[in-house]
Protein backbone atom coordinates (compact mmCIF):
# COMPACT_ATOMS: atom_id res chain seq x y z
CA MET A 1 -73.14 148.45 -48.99
CA LYS A 2 -73.95 144.99 -47.65
CA TYR A 3 -70.44 143.75 -48.44
CA LEU A 4 -68.87 146.85 -46.89
CA SER A 5 -70.77 146.19 -43.65
CA ILE A 6 -69.50 142.61 -43.61
CA ILE A 7 -65.92 143.75 -44.16
CA LEU A 8 -66.20 146.32 -41.35
CA ALA A 9 -67.69 143.73 -39.00
CA LEU A 10 -64.88 141.29 -39.73
CA ALA A 11 -62.27 144.02 -39.17
CA LEU A 12 -63.80 144.97 -35.82
CA ALA A 13 -63.93 141.34 -34.75
CA ALA A 14 -60.28 140.89 -35.66
CA CYS A 15 -59.31 143.97 -33.66
CA SER A 16 -61.31 142.89 -30.60
CA SER A 17 -59.78 139.42 -30.61
CA ALA A 18 -56.19 140.62 -31.09
CA GLU A 19 -53.88 140.36 -28.12
CA PRO A 20 -53.23 143.68 -26.32
CA VAL A 21 -50.00 145.42 -27.28
CA ALA A 22 -47.36 144.97 -24.56
CA GLU A 23 -46.52 148.23 -22.81
CA PRO A 24 -42.85 149.28 -22.55
CA LEU A 25 -41.22 148.51 -19.20
CA THR A 26 -39.06 151.03 -17.37
CA LEU A 27 -35.69 149.77 -16.16
CA LEU A 28 -33.21 151.52 -13.87
CA ILE A 29 -29.56 150.54 -14.19
CA GLY A 30 -26.91 151.00 -11.52
CA THR A 31 -23.32 151.24 -12.73
CA TYR A 32 -19.72 151.55 -11.65
CA THR A 33 -18.51 155.06 -12.44
CA ASP A 34 -14.80 154.28 -12.74
CA ALA A 35 -14.97 154.49 -16.56
CA THR A 36 -17.50 156.57 -18.51
CA SER A 37 -20.76 155.92 -16.65
CA GLU A 38 -21.88 158.74 -14.36
CA GLY A 39 -24.50 157.11 -12.15
CA ILE A 40 -28.01 155.65 -12.53
CA TYR A 41 -29.54 155.29 -15.98
CA ARG A 42 -33.07 154.69 -17.24
CA THR A 43 -34.26 152.86 -20.35
CA GLU A 44 -37.54 151.58 -21.74
CA PHE A 45 -37.58 147.90 -22.66
CA ASN A 46 -40.17 146.95 -25.28
CA PRO A 47 -41.32 143.34 -24.67
CA ALA A 48 -43.05 143.26 -28.06
CA THR A 49 -39.73 143.72 -29.88
CA GLY A 50 -37.18 142.79 -27.21
CA THR A 51 -35.36 146.10 -27.69
CA PHE A 52 -34.31 149.08 -25.55
CA SER A 53 -34.64 152.81 -25.86
CA GLU A 54 -31.39 154.74 -25.51
CA ALA A 55 -30.15 154.86 -21.92
CA GLU A 56 -30.49 158.27 -20.25
CA LEU A 57 -28.70 159.44 -17.12
CA VAL A 58 -31.31 160.23 -14.45
CA ILE A 59 -29.12 160.49 -11.32
CA LYS A 60 -25.49 161.53 -11.23
CA VAL A 61 -23.94 159.70 -8.27
CA ASP A 62 -20.76 157.77 -7.55
CA ASN A 63 -20.71 153.96 -7.96
CA PRO A 64 -24.43 153.14 -7.49
CA SER A 65 -23.75 149.40 -7.68
CA TYR A 66 -27.00 148.31 -6.02
CA LEU A 67 -30.47 149.86 -5.88
CA ALA A 68 -33.69 149.38 -3.94
CA LEU A 69 -37.09 150.91 -4.78
CA GLU A 70 -40.18 151.59 -2.71
CA GLY A 71 -42.97 153.77 -4.06
CA ASP A 72 -41.44 157.01 -5.30
CA MET A 73 -38.26 156.44 -3.27
CA LEU A 74 -34.99 155.11 -4.66
CA TYR A 75 -32.14 154.05 -2.39
CA ALA A 76 -28.69 153.56 -3.94
CA VAL A 77 -25.36 152.62 -2.40
CA SER A 78 -22.20 154.48 -3.30
CA GLU A 79 -19.70 151.64 -3.27
CA GLY A 80 -16.48 153.31 -2.21
CA ASP A 81 -13.23 151.60 -1.33
CA ARG A 82 -12.87 153.43 2.00
CA ASP A 83 -15.20 154.43 4.83
CA GLU A 84 -14.92 158.06 3.70
CA ASN A 85 -16.43 157.46 0.24
CA SER A 86 -18.96 154.75 1.12
CA ALA A 87 -22.56 155.88 1.55
CA LEU A 88 -26.27 155.19 1.12
CA ASN A 89 -28.27 157.75 -0.87
CA ALA A 90 -32.02 158.40 -0.72
CA PHE A 91 -33.71 159.97 -3.77
CA ARG A 92 -37.36 160.95 -4.29
CA TYR A 93 -38.95 160.81 -7.75
CA ASP A 94 -41.13 163.76 -8.82
CA ALA A 95 -43.53 162.77 -11.62
CA ALA A 96 -44.30 166.43 -12.45
CA THR A 97 -40.68 167.15 -13.36
CA ASP A 98 -39.72 163.55 -14.20
CA SER A 99 -36.64 163.91 -12.02
CA TYR A 100 -35.05 162.63 -8.82
CA THR A 101 -34.08 164.77 -5.82
CA LEU A 102 -31.47 163.74 -3.27
CA LEU A 103 -33.07 163.76 0.18
CA SER A 104 -30.13 162.45 2.18
CA ARG A 105 -26.73 160.80 1.94
CA GLN A 106 -25.53 158.89 4.97
CA PRO A 107 -22.13 157.24 5.48
CA THR A 108 -22.36 153.46 5.80
CA ARG A 109 -19.43 153.49 8.27
CA GLY A 110 -18.18 150.31 6.60
CA ALA A 111 -16.39 150.31 3.25
CA SER A 112 -17.64 148.86 -0.04
CA PRO A 113 -21.42 148.76 0.48
CA CYS A 114 -22.46 146.35 -2.28
CA TYR A 115 -26.13 145.69 -1.46
CA VAL A 116 -29.12 147.60 -0.09
CA ALA A 117 -32.42 146.10 1.08
CA LEU A 118 -35.55 147.61 2.66
CA HIS A 119 -37.41 145.91 5.49
CA LYS A 120 -40.03 147.11 7.98
CA GLY A 121 -39.05 150.77 8.06
CA TYR A 122 -35.31 150.28 7.76
CA ALA A 123 -32.73 150.28 5.00
CA TYR A 124 -29.79 147.89 5.37
CA THR A 125 -26.44 147.91 3.59
CA ALA A 126 -24.00 145.02 3.24
CA ASN A 127 -20.51 146.50 3.58
CA TYR A 128 -18.22 144.03 1.85
CA THR A 129 -14.70 145.09 2.79
CA GLY A 130 -15.95 146.76 5.96
CA GLY A 131 -17.22 143.35 7.10
CA SER A 132 -20.32 144.93 8.58
CA LEU A 133 -24.07 145.43 8.28
CA THR A 134 -25.44 148.96 8.65
CA ARG A 135 -29.05 149.78 9.51
CA PHE A 136 -30.75 153.11 8.75
CA ALA A 137 -34.17 154.19 10.00
CA ILE A 138 -36.29 155.46 7.10
CA MET A 139 -37.87 158.78 8.10
CA GLU A 140 -41.44 159.80 7.32
CA ASP A 141 -40.35 161.72 4.21
CA GLY A 142 -38.24 158.80 2.95
CA SER A 143 -34.91 160.25 4.02
CA LEU A 144 -32.43 158.25 6.10
CA GLY A 145 -31.52 158.48 9.74
CA GLU A 146 -27.95 158.00 10.91
CA GLY A 147 -26.55 154.54 10.28
CA VAL A 148 -26.00 151.98 13.04
CA GLU A 149 -23.20 149.60 12.12
CA GLN A 150 -22.90 145.99 13.30
CA GLU A 151 -19.36 144.66 12.89
CA TYR A 152 -18.40 140.98 12.98
CA GLU A 153 -15.26 139.47 14.45
CA LEU A 154 -12.78 137.15 12.82
CA LYS A 155 -13.76 133.49 12.80
CA ASP A 156 -11.02 130.89 12.41
CA GLY A 157 -8.87 133.64 10.89
CA ARG A 158 -11.57 134.58 8.37
CA ALA A 159 -12.88 138.14 8.20
CA SER A 160 -16.52 138.87 7.47
CA HIS A 161 -17.50 140.05 4.01
CA ILE A 162 -21.22 140.81 4.23
CA HIS A 163 -22.62 140.48 0.71
CA GLY A 164 -26.42 140.54 0.74
CA ILE A 165 -29.57 141.16 2.79
CA PHE A 166 -32.74 139.26 1.88
CA PRO A 167 -36.17 139.70 3.51
CA ALA A 168 -37.41 136.24 4.50
CA PRO A 169 -40.72 134.79 3.28
CA ASP A 170 -42.22 135.14 6.78
CA GLY A 171 -42.18 138.93 6.35
CA GLU A 172 -40.68 139.34 9.80
CA SER A 173 -36.99 138.50 9.47
CA ILE A 174 -34.07 139.01 7.14
CA PHE A 175 -31.32 136.66 6.00
CA VAL A 176 -27.79 138.03 5.72
CA THR A 177 -25.02 136.34 3.72
CA ASP A 178 -21.45 136.50 5.01
CA LEU A 179 -19.16 135.46 2.18
CA GLY A 180 -15.98 135.80 4.23
CA ARG A 181 -17.00 133.53 7.10
CA SER A 182 -19.22 131.30 4.92
CA GLU A 183 -22.28 131.83 7.09
CA ILE A 184 -25.89 132.87 6.67
CA PHE A 185 -27.57 134.45 9.65
CA ARG A 186 -31.13 135.51 10.31
CA ILE A 187 -32.27 138.64 12.13
CA VAL A 188 -35.81 139.07 13.44
CA ALA A 189 -35.71 142.49 15.10
CA PRO A 190 -33.13 145.20 14.41
CA ASP A 191 -30.95 144.09 17.33
CA SER A 192 -31.96 140.43 17.64
CA GLU A 193 -30.02 137.73 15.82
CA ILE A 194 -31.73 134.35 16.21
CA PHE A 195 -29.53 131.85 14.40
CA ARG A 196 -26.56 131.23 12.16
CA THR A 197 -26.15 128.59 9.48
CA GLU A 198 -22.59 127.53 8.76
CA LEU A 199 -21.69 126.49 5.22
CA THR A 200 -18.60 124.63 4.09
CA ALA A 201 -15.51 126.76 4.68
CA GLY A 202 -14.71 128.67 1.52
CA ALA A 203 -18.22 128.38 0.05
CA GLY A 204 -18.76 132.15 0.06
CA PRO A 205 -22.56 132.67 0.09
CA ARG A 206 -23.46 135.77 -1.93
CA HIS A 207 -27.13 136.06 -3.01
CA MET A 208 -30.33 134.23 -2.06
CA ALA A 209 -33.77 133.40 -3.46
CA PHE A 210 -36.87 131.85 -1.86
CA SER A 211 -39.65 129.59 -3.08
CA LYS A 212 -43.15 131.05 -3.34
CA ASP A 213 -44.45 128.83 -0.55
CA GLY A 214 -41.72 130.10 1.78
CA ARG A 215 -40.40 126.65 2.59
CA THR A 216 -37.18 126.58 0.55
CA ALA A 217 -34.18 128.91 0.43
CA TYR A 218 -31.51 128.94 -2.26
CA ALA A 219 -28.05 130.40 -1.59
CA LEU A 220 -25.60 131.01 -4.43
CA ASN A 221 -22.05 130.40 -3.23
CA GLU A 222 -19.69 132.68 -5.14
CA LEU A 223 -16.38 130.97 -4.36
CA ALA A 224 -17.45 127.31 -4.41
CA GLY A 225 -19.57 127.83 -7.52
CA THR A 226 -22.55 125.99 -6.03
CA VAL A 227 -26.18 126.50 -5.07
CA SER A 228 -27.13 125.36 -1.57
CA VAL A 229 -30.76 124.31 -1.16
CA PHE A 230 -32.22 124.63 2.34
CA ASP A 231 -35.46 123.80 4.09
CA ILE A 232 -36.52 126.86 6.10
CA GLU A 233 -37.34 125.62 9.60
CA ALA A 234 -38.24 127.35 12.84
CA GLU A 235 -34.85 126.58 14.31
CA GLY A 236 -32.86 127.49 11.21
CA LEU A 237 -31.87 126.46 7.71
CA ARG A 238 -31.43 122.75 7.05
CA LEU A 239 -29.25 121.84 4.07
CA LYS A 240 -30.78 119.24 1.77
CA GLN A 241 -28.83 119.68 -1.47
CA GLU A 242 -25.73 121.30 -2.89
CA ILE A 243 -25.40 121.42 -6.66
CA ALA A 244 -22.81 122.93 -9.02
CA SER A 245 -23.64 126.11 -10.91
CA ASP A 246 -20.11 126.94 -12.03
CA SER A 247 -18.64 123.63 -13.20
CA VAL A 248 -15.36 125.04 -14.59
CA GLY A 249 -13.79 126.52 -11.45
CA GLY A 250 -14.39 130.18 -12.19
CA GLY A 251 -15.07 130.97 -8.53
CA GLY A 252 -17.22 133.99 -9.33
CA CYS A 253 -20.94 133.20 -9.09
CA ALA A 254 -22.96 136.41 -8.79
CA ASP A 255 -26.78 136.44 -8.82
CA ILE A 256 -29.70 134.04 -8.48
CA HIS A 257 -33.43 134.24 -9.33
CA LEU A 258 -36.46 131.98 -9.61
CA SER A 259 -38.99 132.26 -12.41
CA ALA A 260 -42.35 133.62 -11.25
CA ASP A 261 -43.98 130.17 -11.46
CA GLY A 262 -41.16 128.68 -9.34
CA ARG A 263 -40.39 125.98 -11.91
CA PHE A 264 -36.92 127.21 -12.92
CA LEU A 265 -33.96 128.78 -11.17
CA TYR A 266 -31.18 130.80 -12.84
CA ALA A 267 -27.68 131.70 -11.59
CA SER A 268 -24.97 133.89 -13.13
CA ASN A 269 -21.32 132.76 -13.22
CA ARG A 270 -18.20 134.84 -13.91
CA LEU A 271 -14.41 134.68 -14.35
CA LYS A 272 -14.36 131.62 -16.62
CA GLU A 273 -16.84 130.59 -19.35
CA ASP A 274 -19.15 133.35 -18.15
CA GLY A 275 -22.85 132.58 -18.40
CA ILE A 276 -26.18 131.67 -16.83
CA SER A 277 -26.97 128.24 -15.36
CA THR A 278 -30.54 126.96 -15.69
CA PHE A 279 -32.04 124.54 -13.16
CA SER A 280 -35.41 122.85 -13.04
CA VAL A 281 -37.09 122.86 -9.62
CA ALA A 282 -38.66 119.65 -8.30
CA GLY A 283 -41.73 119.53 -6.10
CA ASP A 284 -39.58 119.28 -2.97
CA GLY A 285 -37.52 122.30 -4.01
CA THR A 286 -34.42 120.37 -5.08
CA LEU A 287 -32.66 121.27 -8.33
CA GLN A 288 -31.50 119.62 -11.52
CA LYS A 289 -29.14 121.50 -13.82
CA ILE A 290 -30.63 121.43 -17.31
CA GLY A 291 -28.75 124.07 -19.26
CA TYR A 292 -26.00 126.66 -19.54
CA THR A 293 -26.07 129.81 -21.66
CA LEU A 294 -22.90 131.76 -22.43
CA THR A 295 -23.06 135.54 -21.95
CA GLY A 296 -20.75 138.51 -22.32
CA ILE A 297 -17.89 139.10 -19.92
CA HIS A 298 -18.61 139.30 -16.18
CA PRO A 299 -22.40 138.88 -15.81
CA ARG A 300 -23.52 140.41 -12.51
CA ASN A 301 -27.10 141.16 -11.59
CA PHE A 302 -29.82 139.95 -13.97
CA THR A 303 -33.61 140.15 -14.01
CA LEU A 304 -36.61 138.46 -15.60
CA THR A 305 -39.30 140.57 -17.25
CA PRO A 306 -42.60 140.52 -15.32
CA ASP A 307 -44.15 138.18 -17.91
CA GLY A 308 -41.10 135.89 -17.73
CA GLU A 309 -40.54 136.05 -21.47
CA TYR A 310 -37.06 137.60 -21.29
CA VAL A 311 -33.98 137.58 -19.07
CA LEU A 312 -31.87 140.74 -19.10
CA VAL A 313 -28.25 140.41 -17.96
CA ALA A 314 -25.88 143.19 -16.88
CA VAL A 315 -22.50 142.13 -18.26
CA ARG A 316 -20.12 144.56 -16.63
CA ASP A 317 -16.92 144.07 -18.59
CA SER A 318 -18.67 143.85 -21.97
CA ASP A 319 -20.29 147.24 -21.20
CA ARG A 320 -23.82 146.22 -22.09
CA VAL A 321 -27.13 144.77 -20.93
CA GLU A 322 -27.91 141.65 -22.95
CA VAL A 323 -31.33 140.22 -23.87
CA TYR A 324 -32.21 136.51 -23.72
CA ARG A 325 -35.56 135.06 -24.69
CA ARG A 326 -36.89 132.53 -22.18
CA GLU A 327 -38.97 129.51 -23.18
CA SER A 328 -41.48 129.26 -20.33
CA ARG A 329 -42.21 125.57 -20.87
CA THR A 330 -38.61 124.34 -20.81
CA GLY A 331 -36.87 127.25 -19.05
CA GLU A 332 -34.33 127.44 -21.89
CA LEU A 333 -32.58 130.74 -22.63
CA GLU A 334 -31.60 131.92 -26.09
CA ALA A 335 -29.65 135.08 -26.96
CA THR A 336 -31.65 137.45 -29.14
CA GLY A 337 -28.63 139.47 -30.24
CA GLU A 338 -30.20 142.64 -28.79
CA SER A 339 -28.35 144.65 -26.14
CA LEU A 340 -28.04 148.10 -24.59
CA SER A 341 -24.59 149.71 -24.61
CA LEU A 342 -23.60 151.21 -21.26
CA SER A 343 -20.32 151.38 -19.36
CA HIS A 344 -20.05 148.92 -16.45
CA PRO A 345 -23.73 148.07 -15.73
CA VAL A 346 -24.14 145.97 -12.58
CA CYS A 347 -27.68 146.34 -11.18
CA LEU A 348 -31.07 146.11 -12.92
CA LYS A 349 -34.36 147.15 -11.26
CA TRP A 350 -37.83 147.48 -12.79
CA ILE A 351 -39.94 150.50 -11.93
CA LYS A 352 -43.36 149.03 -11.16
């Protein structure tokens, strides 16, 4: 009996000192529906094993190529090729039925909405071929008011291609990337633009990320294949570094993210030697490229798990979401060989 008590005590001690089992994470995936995908899918990612559950269709909708979440609301663009089939959709999640209900669908008035962002009671879409930014008031029930479109004129013969909207660290303004005119502009109030930052002609700014202290902005330039590093100042963005992400002339950089601790920055590159660039971040926010990891074909949006242990990459033309383990000390990425099969995935969002 004495020995049995000792054994039980040791077993209890072992259990109490064991690390808690990681809970599965819920991931929503936006897709292009020009092949076999039908809309927005959901999967559970298990961080203990680095594997997915089977993807399930949760919302049937056309070309939901970018998503934004707030509480039980989900906003998804429908990226059409004409004004008539381009829209922003608002869905509400009902936990009791584990389903989404469409509350409203509003035309974006500009074609090819490729990004949606939420900021201070408004939803904004970046309308790529429409060359415009559309603002929607979010109603009390989460539905959308009618869109107000802001169009931009030609500049030096270059048409606007608005590609992204990024709430600034100050919580008051948003940054907007114009790939066509190679500009980034900042908006404080819905109708008040306060400054523009011009990049090198042909740079093509696409997506942005910001340091935790709010002092540094990073812009990924799709066409030039570079990352521009800026100091965020009261009067605007001040360029302090430009560094190559795509070093083989692919001309198709896509997405950019910082690790949660701010020590590493990652950027996806397409069209030639597709993969993810890894940069270390110095104390002043400048970058040093320290690695490159090949991926499947056409990596678009990617995301880090909340604990930073994995990077998941939507590789559109390989029809899968790939899993890479991340070494937190060095920032290095390594393919695990695990993936989720899905036609044309392009946007990954965690449900928190």
